[in-house]
């Protein structure tokens, strides 16, 4: 149960950063120049961490059969 919550939080954080990045691109102006690239880099890092979390939860829950 805790694994599902951790995965949900990781995926939700990626979605929030993605929406923030898209919003800054939509607004444009100085906000887009200073924040959109930073937010998209943060999104890529958050996605990487979320994938690691998903793999770890799947591994420790016994979903992987090696």
N, C-alpha and C. Protein backbone atom coordinates (compact mmCIF):
# COMPACT_ATOMS: atom_id res chain seq x y z
N UNK A 1 0.82 -1.20 0.00
CA UNK A 1 0.00 0.00 0.00
C UNK A 1 0.86 1.26 0.00
N UNK A 2 1.92 1.26 0.80
CA UNK A 2 2.79 2.43 0.86
C UNK A 2 3.49 2.66 -0.47
N UNK A 3 3.81 1.57 -1.17
CA UNK A 3 4.46 1.69 -2.47
C UNK A 3 3.58 2.41 -3.48
N UNK A 4 2.30 2.10 -3.45
CA UNK A 4 1.38 2.76 -4.38
C UNK A 4 1.28 4.25 -4.10
N UNK A 5 1.32 4.61 -2.83
CA UNK A 5 1.25 6.03 -2.47
C UNK A 5 2.51 6.75 -2.92
N UNK A 6 3.66 6.11 -2.73
CA UNK A 6 4.93 6.72 -3.14
C UNK A 6 4.96 6.91 -4.66
N UNK A 7 4.50 5.90 -5.40
CA UNK A 7 4.45 6.01 -6.86
C UNK A 7 3.48 7.12 -7.28
N UNK A 8 2.34 7.21 -6.62
CA UNK A 8 1.37 8.25 -6.96
C UNK A 8 1.94 9.64 -6.71
N UNK A 9 2.66 9.81 -5.61
CA UNK A 9 3.27 11.11 -5.31
C UNK A 9 4.33 11.45 -6.35
N UNK A 10 5.12 10.47 -6.76
CA UNK A 10 6.16 10.70 -7.77
C UNK A 10 5.54 11.10 -9.11
N UNK A 11 4.51 10.40 -9.52
CA UNK A 11 3.86 10.72 -10.80
C UNK A 11 3.15 12.07 -10.71
N UNK A 12 2.54 12.35 -9.60
CA UNK A 12 1.87 13.64 -9.42
C UNK A 12 2.86 14.80 -9.45
N UNK A 13 4.03 14.59 -8.86
CA UNK A 13 5.03 15.66 -8.88
C UNK A 13 5.51 15.93 -10.30
N UNK A 14 5.66 14.89 -11.10
CA UNK A 14 6.04 15.08 -12.51
C UNK A 14 4.95 15.86 -13.24
N UNK A 15 3.70 15.51 -12.99
CA UNK A 15 2.59 16.20 -13.65
C UNK A 15 2.52 17.67 -13.25
N UNK A 16 2.77 17.96 -11.99
CA UNK A 16 2.74 19.35 -11.52
C UNK A 16 3.84 20.17 -12.17
N UNK A 17 5.04 19.62 -12.22
CA UNK A 17 6.15 20.35 -12.84
C UNK A 17 5.89 20.53 -14.33
N UNK A 18 5.32 19.52 -14.98
CA UNK A 18 4.99 19.64 -16.39
C UNK A 18 3.97 20.75 -16.63
N UNK A 19 2.93 20.80 -15.82
CA UNK A 19 1.90 21.84 -15.96
C UNK A 19 2.48 23.23 -15.69
N UNK A 20 3.36 23.32 -14.72
CA UNK A 20 3.99 24.62 -14.45
C UNK A 20 4.85 25.06 -15.63
N UNK A 21 5.58 24.15 -16.23
CA UNK A 21 6.40 24.47 -17.39
C UNK A 21 5.57 24.87 -18.59
N UNK A 22 4.49 24.15 -18.83
CA UNK A 22 3.61 24.51 -19.94
C UNK A 22 2.93 25.86 -19.71
N UNK A 23 2.59 26.13 -18.47
CA UNK A 23 1.96 27.42 -18.16
C UNK A 23 2.92 28.57 -18.41
N UNK A 24 4.17 28.42 -18.03
CA UNK A 24 5.13 29.51 -18.26
C UNK A 24 5.37 29.71 -19.75
N UNK A 25 5.34 28.62 -20.53
CA UNK A 25 5.45 28.78 -21.98
C UNK A 25 4.24 29.49 -22.55
N UNK A 26 3.06 29.20 -22.01
CA UNK A 26 1.82 29.80 -22.49
C UNK A 26 1.77 31.28 -22.17
N UNK A 27 2.22 31.67 -20.96
CA UNK A 27 2.19 33.07 -20.54
C UNK A 27 3.17 33.88 -21.37
N UNK A 28 4.35 33.33 -21.58
CA UNK A 28 5.36 34.02 -22.37
C UNK A 28 6.02 35.15 -21.59
N UNK A 29 6.70 36.01 -22.31
CA UNK A 29 7.35 37.15 -21.68
C UNK A 29 8.57 36.77 -20.87
N UNK A 30 8.81 37.55 -19.83
CA UNK A 30 10.01 37.32 -19.00
C UNK A 30 9.90 36.02 -18.20
N UNK A 31 8.68 35.64 -17.84
CA UNK A 31 8.50 34.38 -17.09
C UNK A 31 8.94 33.20 -17.95
N UNK A 32 8.59 33.20 -19.20
CA UNK A 32 8.97 32.10 -20.08
C UNK A 32 10.48 32.08 -20.30
N UNK A 33 11.07 33.24 -20.44
CA UNK A 33 12.52 33.29 -20.68
C UNK A 33 13.32 32.78 -19.48
N UNK A 34 12.84 33.07 -18.30
CA UNK A 34 13.64 32.72 -17.13
C UNK A 34 13.28 31.37 -16.51
N UNK A 35 12.06 30.88 -16.70
CA UNK A 35 11.63 29.68 -15.97
C UNK A 35 11.31 28.45 -16.81
N UNK A 36 10.91 28.61 -18.07
CA UNK A 36 10.42 27.45 -18.81
C UNK A 36 11.50 26.39 -19.00
N UNK A 37 12.71 26.80 -19.35
CA UNK A 37 13.79 25.83 -19.54
C UNK A 37 14.18 25.17 -18.22
N UNK A 38 14.21 25.94 -17.15
CA UNK A 38 14.55 25.37 -15.84
C UNK A 38 13.51 24.34 -15.41
N UNK A 39 12.23 24.67 -15.62
CA UNK A 39 11.17 23.75 -15.22
C UNK A 39 11.19 22.47 -16.04
N UNK A 40 11.52 22.57 -17.32
CA UNK A 40 11.57 21.36 -18.13
C UNK A 40 12.76 20.48 -17.73
N UNK A 41 13.85 21.09 -17.31
CA UNK A 41 14.97 20.29 -16.81
C UNK A 41 14.61 19.62 -15.49
N UNK A 42 13.89 20.34 -14.64
CA UNK A 42 13.42 19.75 -13.38
C UNK A 42 12.46 18.60 -13.67
N UNK A 43 11.62 18.75 -14.71
CA UNK A 43 10.68 17.70 -15.08
C UNK A 43 11.42 16.44 -15.51
N UNK A 44 12.47 16.59 -16.30
CA UNK A 44 13.23 15.43 -16.74
C UNK A 44 13.85 14.72 -15.54
N UNK A 45 14.39 15.48 -14.61
CA UNK A 45 14.95 14.88 -13.39
C UNK A 45 13.86 14.20 -12.57
N UNK A 46 12.70 14.83 -12.45
CA UNK A 46 11.59 14.23 -11.69
C UNK A 46 11.11 12.95 -12.36
N UNK A 47 11.09 12.93 -13.69
CA UNK A 47 10.69 11.71 -14.40
C UNK A 47 11.69 10.59 -14.14
N UNK A 48 12.97 10.91 -14.15
CA UNK A 48 13.99 9.90 -13.88
C UNK A 48 13.82 9.32 -12.48
N UNK A 49 13.61 10.19 -11.51
CA UNK A 49 13.41 9.73 -10.13
C UNK A 49 12.13 8.91 -10.02
N UNK A 50 11.07 9.33 -10.71
CA UNK A 50 9.81 8.59 -10.66
C UNK A 50 9.98 7.20 -11.27
N UNK A 51 10.73 7.09 -12.35
CA UNK A 51 10.97 5.78 -12.96
C UNK A 51 11.74 4.89 -12.01
N UNK A 52 12.76 5.45 -11.35
CA UNK A 52 13.51 4.65 -10.37
C UNK A 52 12.61 4.18 -9.23
N UNK A 53 11.73 5.06 -8.77
CA UNK A 53 10.80 4.69 -7.70
C UNK A 53 9.86 3.59 -8.16
N UNK A 54 9.33 3.70 -9.36
CA UNK A 54 8.41 2.69 -9.89
C UNK A 54 9.11 1.35 -10.01
N UNK A 55 10.35 1.36 -10.51
CA UNK A 55 11.10 0.10 -10.63
C UNK A 55 11.37 -0.50 -9.26
N UNK A 56 11.76 0.34 -8.30
CA UNK A 56 12.06 -0.16 -6.95
C UNK A 56 10.81 -0.74 -6.29
N UNK A 57 9.69 -0.06 -6.42
CA UNK A 57 8.45 -0.56 -5.83
C UNK A 57 8.03 -1.87 -6.49
N UNK A 58 8.16 -1.95 -7.80
CA UNK A 58 7.80 -3.19 -8.50
C UNK A 58 8.73 -4.32 -8.10
N UNK A 59 10.01 -4.02 -7.94
CA UNK A 59 10.97 -5.05 -7.55
C UNK A 59 10.70 -5.56 -6.15
N UNK A 60 10.53 -4.65 -5.21
CA UNK A 60 10.36 -5.06 -3.82
C UNK A 60 8.96 -5.62 -3.52
N UNK A 61 8.01 -5.35 -4.38
CA UNK A 61 6.68 -5.93 -4.17
C UNK A 61 6.57 -7.33 -4.81
N UNK A 62 7.60 -7.72 -5.54
CA UNK A 62 7.60 -9.05 -6.14
C UNK A 62 6.99 -9.09 -7.51
N UNK A 63 6.81 -7.96 -8.16
CA UNK A 63 6.21 -7.92 -9.49
C UNK A 63 7.18 -8.36 -10.56
N UNK A 64 8.49 -8.25 -10.31
CA UNK A 64 9.49 -8.70 -11.25
C UNK A 64 9.83 -10.15 -10.96
N UNK A 65 9.81 -10.96 -11.97
CA UNK A 65 10.19 -12.36 -11.81
C UNK A 65 11.42 -12.62 -12.67
N UNK A 66 12.59 -12.55 -12.06
CA UNK A 66 13.82 -12.77 -12.80
C UNK A 66 14.19 -14.22 -12.76
